[in-house]
Amino acid sequence: MDDAGTLGDDRRTDDDGSRPPSAAAVLRRVLEDAASQFLDNDVPERAADSGTGWLLPPTEGQVHQSRVAMRRMRSNLRTFRNLFDPSWNTAFRADLAWWIGVLGAERDLQVLRHDLATRGPLVVDADALAPVLDRLDADVAAAAASAASARDSERHGRLVSEVEAVTTHLPFTPAAAGPAAAVLPRLLQRSWHDLRGAGRTARADPTDTNLHKLRIRAKALRYGAETVARVDGASARKLARAAEALQTRLGEHHDSVVSLAWLASLARTEPDLGAVTMRLSVVQQAAGAVAKRGWQRDLKEIERRWRAWSR
């Protein structure tokens, strides 16, 4: 089995331009960049003026950046999984998925808090909105406390160690030693087939669930195409941007779906807030409808870019 030590010559040889980069060298750089982003944002910092060593909780921006880094790592590990030791890959991706989920509960509520604070005043006055935001603040705090508890767990410690190890050791298979320009584009085919299948399902039945699955597939194609673009130029970058456009649109739609579910739950548990939650639901539903508009056009653009790139 090849590893970062065995393939260390790839990095030096690729950097001096004496031969094309290997798939291992390109993937190493992508994963190292994402690992650094994760470590910069996920590991709490100690308060400078605290004699007790109190840890500062991550900010909203750090939570977001940490999740972006993990999603990028996990997506590349899945798309190019044939180039990594399978047992290592499966275990690492499972730990990444776990922590993405933990932070996702907090992040979804943070996004909802921002949306309601921005759009709420359009349909209700400040006094009526205040108890809804208070309840949301309590839910955000509870999710942050749950994440803080999980951050102290053995599994989180293992995840941090796994991410740190990405910068020193990656268990590649022998296939990763091949030229990146020949190896990586071929493996992107699977992501394309996944997106095409999700697109057919969404076109036939554009439910919230099917559109969310399509968003996930677009995100995978985007991250894979961004990696391929390091050796395959402008066409792959254009494909990645097209996939990102669909991902962003459907992401905003998904945020609306999450917000409507939260408001419905609040209306059930706090009947006195029923009138307010109904008005807020209307504005969130409208925002979701606007975000959803044009997704089929975005999907067609991905298909066009794919044909141009794979020609």
Protein backbone atom coordinates (compact mmCIF):
# COMPACT_ATOMS: atom_id res chain seq x y z
CA MET A 1 0.00 0.00 0.00
CA ASP A 2 1.31 3.44 -0.93
CA ASP A 3 1.24 6.18 1.69
CA ALA A 4 2.37 9.75 2.07
CA GLY A 5 5.90 8.59 2.81
CA THR A 6 6.08 6.24 -0.16
CA LEU A 7 4.66 8.87 -2.48
CA GLY A 8 6.66 11.72 -1.00
CA ASP A 9 8.68 12.03 -4.22
CA ASP A 10 5.46 12.95 -6.05
CA ARG A 11 5.25 16.20 -4.16
CA ARG A 12 8.83 17.24 -4.86
CA THR A 13 8.78 16.09 -8.49
CA ASP A 14 5.42 17.72 -9.22
CA ASP A 15 6.47 20.99 -7.64
CA ASP A 16 9.58 21.33 -9.79
CA GLY A 17 7.54 20.65 -12.93
CA SER A 18 9.70 17.78 -14.19
CA ARG A 19 6.65 15.58 -14.77
CA PRO A 20 2.86 15.87 -14.50
CA PRO A 21 1.38 15.59 -10.99
CA SER A 22 0.09 12.26 -9.79
CA ALA A 23 -3.46 11.77 -8.54
CA ALA A 24 -2.00 11.27 -5.06
CA ALA A 25 -0.20 14.62 -5.16
CA VAL A 26 -3.32 16.52 -6.21
CA LEU A 27 -5.55 14.83 -3.66
CA ARG A 28 -2.97 15.37 -0.96
CA ARG A 29 -3.01 19.12 -1.58
CA VAL A 30 -6.82 19.27 -1.64
CA LEU A 31 -7.17 17.32 1.59
CA GLU A 32 -4.36 19.20 3.32
CA ASP A 33 -6.03 22.52 2.49
CA ALA A 34 -9.35 21.31 3.87
CA ALA A 35 -7.67 19.83 6.95
CA SER A 36 -5.98 23.14 7.72
CA GLN A 37 -9.30 24.97 7.34
CA PHE A 38 -10.96 22.51 9.72
CA LEU A 39 -8.22 22.75 12.35
CA ASP A 40 -8.17 26.55 12.16
CA ASN A 41 -11.90 26.76 12.86
CA ASP A 42 -12.98 23.70 14.83
CA VAL A 43 -10.45 23.49 17.66
CA PRO A 44 -11.48 26.05 20.34
CA GLU A 45 -9.03 28.76 21.26
CA ARG A 46 -8.06 29.55 24.84
CA ALA A 47 -9.06 32.98 26.10
CA ALA A 48 -5.93 35.13 26.09
CA ASP A 49 -6.69 36.79 29.43
CA SER A 50 -8.09 33.76 31.22
CA GLY A 51 -5.93 32.32 33.94
CA THR A 52 -8.21 29.29 34.11
CA GLY A 53 -7.58 28.21 30.54
CA TRP A 54 -11.26 28.72 29.61
CA LEU A 55 -12.01 27.74 26.03
CA LEU A 56 -13.70 30.19 23.72
CA PRO A 57 -16.57 28.51 21.81
CA PRO A 58 -16.40 28.67 18.00
CA THR A 59 -18.14 31.62 16.39
CA GLU A 60 -20.92 31.19 13.83
CA GLY A 61 -18.38 31.77 11.08
CA GLN A 62 -16.06 29.14 12.50
CA VAL A 63 -18.87 26.59 12.71
CA HIS A 64 -19.69 27.25 9.06
CA GLN A 65 -16.07 27.09 7.88
CA SER A 66 -15.47 23.90 9.85
CA ARG A 67 -18.46 22.21 8.18
CA VAL A 68 -17.40 23.40 4.72
CA ALA A 69 -13.95 21.90 5.24
CA MET A 70 -15.37 18.58 6.43
CA ARG A 71 -17.83 18.37 3.56
CA ARG A 72 -15.03 18.99 1.08
CA MET A 73 -12.87 16.27 2.63
CA ARG A 74 -15.72 13.78 2.87
CA SER A 75 -16.90 14.45 -0.69
CA ASN A 76 -13.44 14.00 -2.20
CA LEU A 77 -12.87 10.84 -0.18
CA ARG A 78 -16.12 9.45 -1.57
CA THR A 79 -15.67 10.56 -5.18
CA PHE A 80 -12.08 9.31 -5.40
CA ARG A 81 -12.47 6.42 -2.95
CA ASN A 82 -10.79 3.93 -5.28
CA LEU A 83 -7.52 5.75 -4.63
CA PHE A 84 -7.55 5.26 -0.83
CA ASP A 85 -7.36 2.30 1.50
CA PRO A 86 -11.06 1.34 1.82
CA SER A 87 -11.15 0.57 5.54
CA TRP A 88 -9.42 3.84 6.43
CA ASN A 89 -11.63 5.79 4.01
CA THR A 90 -14.88 4.33 5.34
CA ALA A 91 -13.99 4.94 9.00
CA PHE A 92 -12.76 8.50 8.40
CA ARG A 93 -15.83 9.44 6.36
CA ALA A 94 -18.10 8.08 9.10
CA ASP A 95 -16.40 10.28 11.71
CA LEU A 96 -16.64 13.31 9.41
CA ALA A 97 -20.34 12.63 8.80
CA TRP A 98 -20.96 12.40 12.54
CA TRP A 99 -19.39 15.77 13.30
CA ILE A 100 -21.00 17.42 10.26
CA GLY A 101 -24.34 16.30 11.69
CA VAL A 102 -23.55 17.58 15.19
CA LEU A 103 -22.60 21.01 13.90
CA GLY A 104 -25.44 20.95 11.37
CA ALA A 105 -28.07 21.11 14.11
CA GLU A 106 -26.45 24.29 15.43
CA ARG A 107 -25.79 25.79 12.00
CA ASP A 108 -29.37 25.28 10.76
CA LEU A 109 -30.71 27.17 13.76
CA GLN A 110 -28.17 29.97 13.29
CA VAL A 111 -29.28 30.40 9.68
CA LEU A 112 -32.93 30.37 10.75
CA ARG A 113 -32.22 32.99 13.45
CA HIS A 114 -30.68 35.27 10.85
CA ASP A 115 -33.55 34.74 8.39
CA LEU A 116 -36.31 35.43 10.91
CA ALA A 117 -34.53 38.46 12.33
CA THR A 118 -34.22 39.81 8.77
CA ARG A 119 -37.59 38.86 7.27
CA GLY A 120 -39.73 38.77 10.40
CA PRO A 121 -40.11 42.56 10.69
CA LEU A 122 -41.68 42.55 7.23
CA VAL A 123 -44.79 40.77 8.54
CA VAL A 124 -44.92 41.22 12.34
CA ASP A 125 -43.95 43.98 14.76
CA ALA A 126 -40.97 43.76 17.08
CA ASP A 127 -43.01 42.88 20.18
CA ALA A 128 -44.71 39.96 18.41
CA LEU A 129 -41.41 38.72 16.96
CA ALA A 130 -39.45 38.90 20.22
CA PRO A 131 -40.79 35.71 21.87
CA VAL A 132 -40.12 33.72 18.69
CA LEU A 133 -36.53 34.94 18.56
CA ASP A 134 -36.16 34.27 22.29
CA ARG A 135 -37.25 30.68 21.77
CA LEU A 136 -34.91 30.37 18.81
CA ASP A 137 -32.03 31.77 20.85
CA ALA A 138 -32.71 29.12 23.48
CA ASP A 139 -32.65 26.38 20.83
CA VAL A 140 -29.39 27.75 19.38
CA ALA A 141 -27.86 27.76 22.86
CA ALA A 142 -29.00 24.19 23.48
CA ALA A 143 -27.55 23.01 20.16
CA ALA A 144 -24.28 24.81 20.92
CA ALA A 145 -24.16 23.17 24.37
CA SER A 146 -24.75 19.77 22.78
CA ALA A 147 -21.93 20.43 20.31
CA ALA A 148 -19.65 21.56 23.14
CA SER A 149 -20.34 18.33 25.00
CA ALA A 150 -19.63 16.29 21.87
CA ARG A 151 -16.42 18.28 21.34
CA ASP A 152 -15.18 16.87 24.65
CA SER A 153 -15.88 13.31 23.55
CA GLU A 154 -13.39 10.63 22.63
CA ARG A 155 -14.82 10.48 19.12
CA HIS A 156 -14.17 14.16 18.47
CA GLY A 157 -10.64 13.77 19.76
CA ARG A 158 -10.15 10.89 17.36
CA LEU A 159 -11.53 12.96 14.49
CA VAL A 160 -9.12 15.81 15.20
CA SER A 161 -6.24 13.31 15.27
CA GLU A 162 -7.42 11.84 11.96
CA VAL A 163 -7.56 15.28 10.36
CA GLU A 164 -4.14 16.19 11.71
CA ALA A 165 -2.77 12.95 10.24
CA VAL A 166 -3.98 13.99 6.78
CA THR A 167 -1.07 16.44 6.64
CA THR A 168 1.49 13.69 7.27
CA HIS A 169 0.03 10.40 6.08
CA LEU A 170 -2.55 9.38 3.50
CA PRO A 171 -3.07 5.66 2.73
CA PHE A 172 -3.25 5.69 -1.05
CA THR A 173 -3.71 2.65 -3.25
CA PRO A 174 -1.17 2.04 -6.05
CA ALA A 175 -3.64 3.50 -8.58
CA ALA A 176 -3.12 6.94 -7.02
CA ALA A 177 0.43 7.02 -8.37
CA GLY A 178 -0.94 7.44 -11.90
CA PRO A 179 -1.08 10.82 -13.66
CA ALA A 180 -3.81 13.01 -12.13
CA ALA A 181 -5.00 14.21 -15.55
CA ALA A 182 -5.74 10.61 -16.55
CA VAL A 183 -6.93 9.17 -13.24
CA LEU A 184 -9.12 11.85 -11.62
CA PRO A 185 -11.49 12.77 -14.51
CA ARG A 186 -12.40 9.11 -14.98
CA LEU A 187 -13.49 8.83 -11.35
CA LEU A 188 -15.72 11.90 -11.67
CA GLN A 189 -18.04 9.88 -13.91
CA ARG A 190 -19.68 8.27 -10.87
CA SER A 191 -20.63 11.67 -9.43
CA TRP A 192 -22.10 12.65 -12.78
CA HIS A 193 -24.22 9.49 -12.98
CA ASP A 194 -25.44 10.09 -9.42
CA LEU A 195 -26.46 13.65 -10.24
CA ARG A 196 -28.12 12.68 -13.50
CA GLY A 197 -30.20 10.05 -11.71
CA ALA A 198 -31.19 12.49 -8.96
CA GLY A 199 -32.07 15.04 -11.62
CA ARG A 200 -34.39 12.63 -13.40
CA THR A 201 -36.14 11.82 -10.13
CA ALA A 202 -36.51 15.50 -9.20
CA ARG A 203 -37.86 16.43 -12.62
CA ALA A 204 -40.48 13.70 -12.39
CA ASP A 205 -41.39 14.47 -8.77
CA PRO A 206 -39.90 17.73 -7.40
CA THR A 207 -40.61 17.07 -3.72
CA ASP A 208 -38.55 18.71 -1.01
CA THR A 209 -36.85 15.38 -0.34
CA ASN A 210 -35.95 14.79 -3.99
CA LEU A 211 -34.64 18.33 -4.41
CA HIS A 212 -32.52 17.94 -1.28
CA LYS A 213 -31.02 14.74 -2.73
CA LEU A 214 -30.29 16.57 -5.97
CA ARG A 215 -28.54 19.31 -3.99
CA ILE A 216 -26.33 16.72 -2.31
CA ARG A 217 -25.39 15.25 -5.70
CA ALA A 218 -24.66 18.70 -7.12
CA LYS A 219 -22.38 19.41 -4.19
CA ALA A 220 -20.47 16.17 -4.75
CA LEU A 221 -20.00 16.95 -8.44
CA ARG A 222 -18.89 20.48 -7.60
CA TYR A 223 -16.18 19.40 -5.15
CA GLY A 224 -14.98 16.66 -7.47
CA ALA A 225 -14.86 19.02 -10.45
CA GLU A 226 -12.94 21.60 -8.41
CA THR A 227 -10.34 18.94 -7.66
CA VAL A 228 -10.16 17.84 -11.30
CA ALA A 229 -9.86 21.50 -12.36
CA ARG A 230 -6.42 21.59 -10.74
CA VAL A 231 -5.15 19.53 -13.65
CA ASP A 232 -7.91 19.83 -16.27
CA GLY A 233 -8.34 23.57 -16.65
CA ALA A 234 -11.18 25.93 -17.48
CA SER A 235 -13.84 23.43 -18.58
CA ALA A 236 -13.79 21.62 -15.25
CA ARG A 237 -13.91 24.95 -13.38
CA LYS A 238 -16.99 25.98 -15.38
CA LEU A 239 -18.62 22.65 -14.55
CA ALA A 240 -17.85 23.21 -10.87
CA ARG A 241 -19.37 26.69 -10.94
CA ALA A 242 -22.53 25.39 -12.62
CA ALA A 243 -22.88 22.70 -9.95
CA GLU A 244 -22.29 25.29 -7.23
CA ALA A 245 -25.09 27.48 -8.62
CA LEU A 246 -27.60 24.63 -8.34
CA GLN A 247 -26.27 23.66 -4.92
CA THR A 248 -26.69 27.24 -3.66
CA ARG A 249 -30.20 27.62 -5.02
CA LEU A 250 -31.41 24.34 -3.56
CA GLY A 251 -29.56 25.08 -0.33
CA GLU A 252 -31.63 28.24 0.14
CA HIS A 253 -34.74 26.21 -0.61
CA HIS A 254 -33.70 23.62 1.99
CA ASP A 255 -33.20 26.38 4.56
CA SER A 256 -36.81 27.37 3.95
CA VAL A 257 -37.99 23.79 4.47
CA VAL A 258 -36.09 23.58 7.77
CA SER A 259 -37.52 26.90 8.91
CA LEU A 260 -41.10 25.87 8.14
CA ALA A 261 -40.67 22.66 10.14
CA TRP A 262 -39.30 24.61 13.12
CA LEU A 263 -42.13 27.15 12.99
CA ALA A 264 -44.72 24.36 12.78
CA SER A 265 -43.19 22.72 15.84
CA LEU A 266 -43.24 26.03 17.72
CA ALA A 267 -46.90 26.54 16.87
CA ARG A 268 -47.72 23.12 18.33
CA THR A 269 -45.82 23.67 21.57
CA GLU A 270 -46.73 27.37 21.97
CA PRO A 271 -50.32 27.81 20.74
CA ASP A 272 -50.31 31.47 21.80
CA LEU A 273 -47.72 32.10 19.09
CA GLY A 274 -49.85 30.50 16.38
CA ALA A 275 -50.78 33.73 14.60
CA VAL A 276 -47.20 34.97 14.59
CA THR A 277 -45.75 31.67 13.37
CA MET A 278 -48.35 31.57 10.60
CA ARG A 279 -47.25 34.97 9.30
CA LEU A 280 -43.59 34.03 9.57
CA SER A 281 -44.29 30.78 7.74
CA VAL A 282 -45.83 32.69 4.86
CA VAL A 283 -42.73 34.84 4.37
CA GLN A 284 -40.40 31.84 4.72
CA GLN A 285 -42.45 29.83 2.26
CA ALA A 286 -42.30 32.71 -0.22
CA ALA A 287 -38.52 32.92 0.18
CA GLY A 288 -38.27 29.19 -0.46
CA ALA A 289 -40.40 29.47 -3.58
CA VAL A 290 -38.17 32.23 -4.95
CA ALA A 291 -35.05 30.19 -4.21
CA LYS A 292 -36.53 27.12 -5.87
CA ARG A 293 -37.39 28.94 -9.07
CA GLY A 294 -34.96 28.17 -11.88
CA TRP A 295 -33.47 24.93 -10.55
CA GLN A 296 -34.25 23.08 -13.77
CA ARG A 297 -32.43 25.75 -15.75
CA ASP A 298 -29.43 25.35 -13.45
CA LEU A 299 -29.54 21.60 -13.95
CA LYS A 300 -29.56 22.03 -17.72
CA GLU A 301 -26.50 24.25 -17.43
CA ILE A 302 -24.68 21.52 -15.52
CA GLU A 303 -25.60 19.04 -18.24
CA ARG A 304 -24.32 21.44 -20.90
CA ARG A 305 -21.06 22.01 -19.03
CA TRP A 306 -20.62 18.29 -18.52
CA ARG A 307 -20.95 17.64 -22.26
CA ALA A 308 -18.46 20.41 -23.01
CA TRP A 309 -15.98 19.09 -20.48
CA SER A 310 -16.25 15.36 -21.28
CA ARG A 311 -16.20 15.83 -25.03
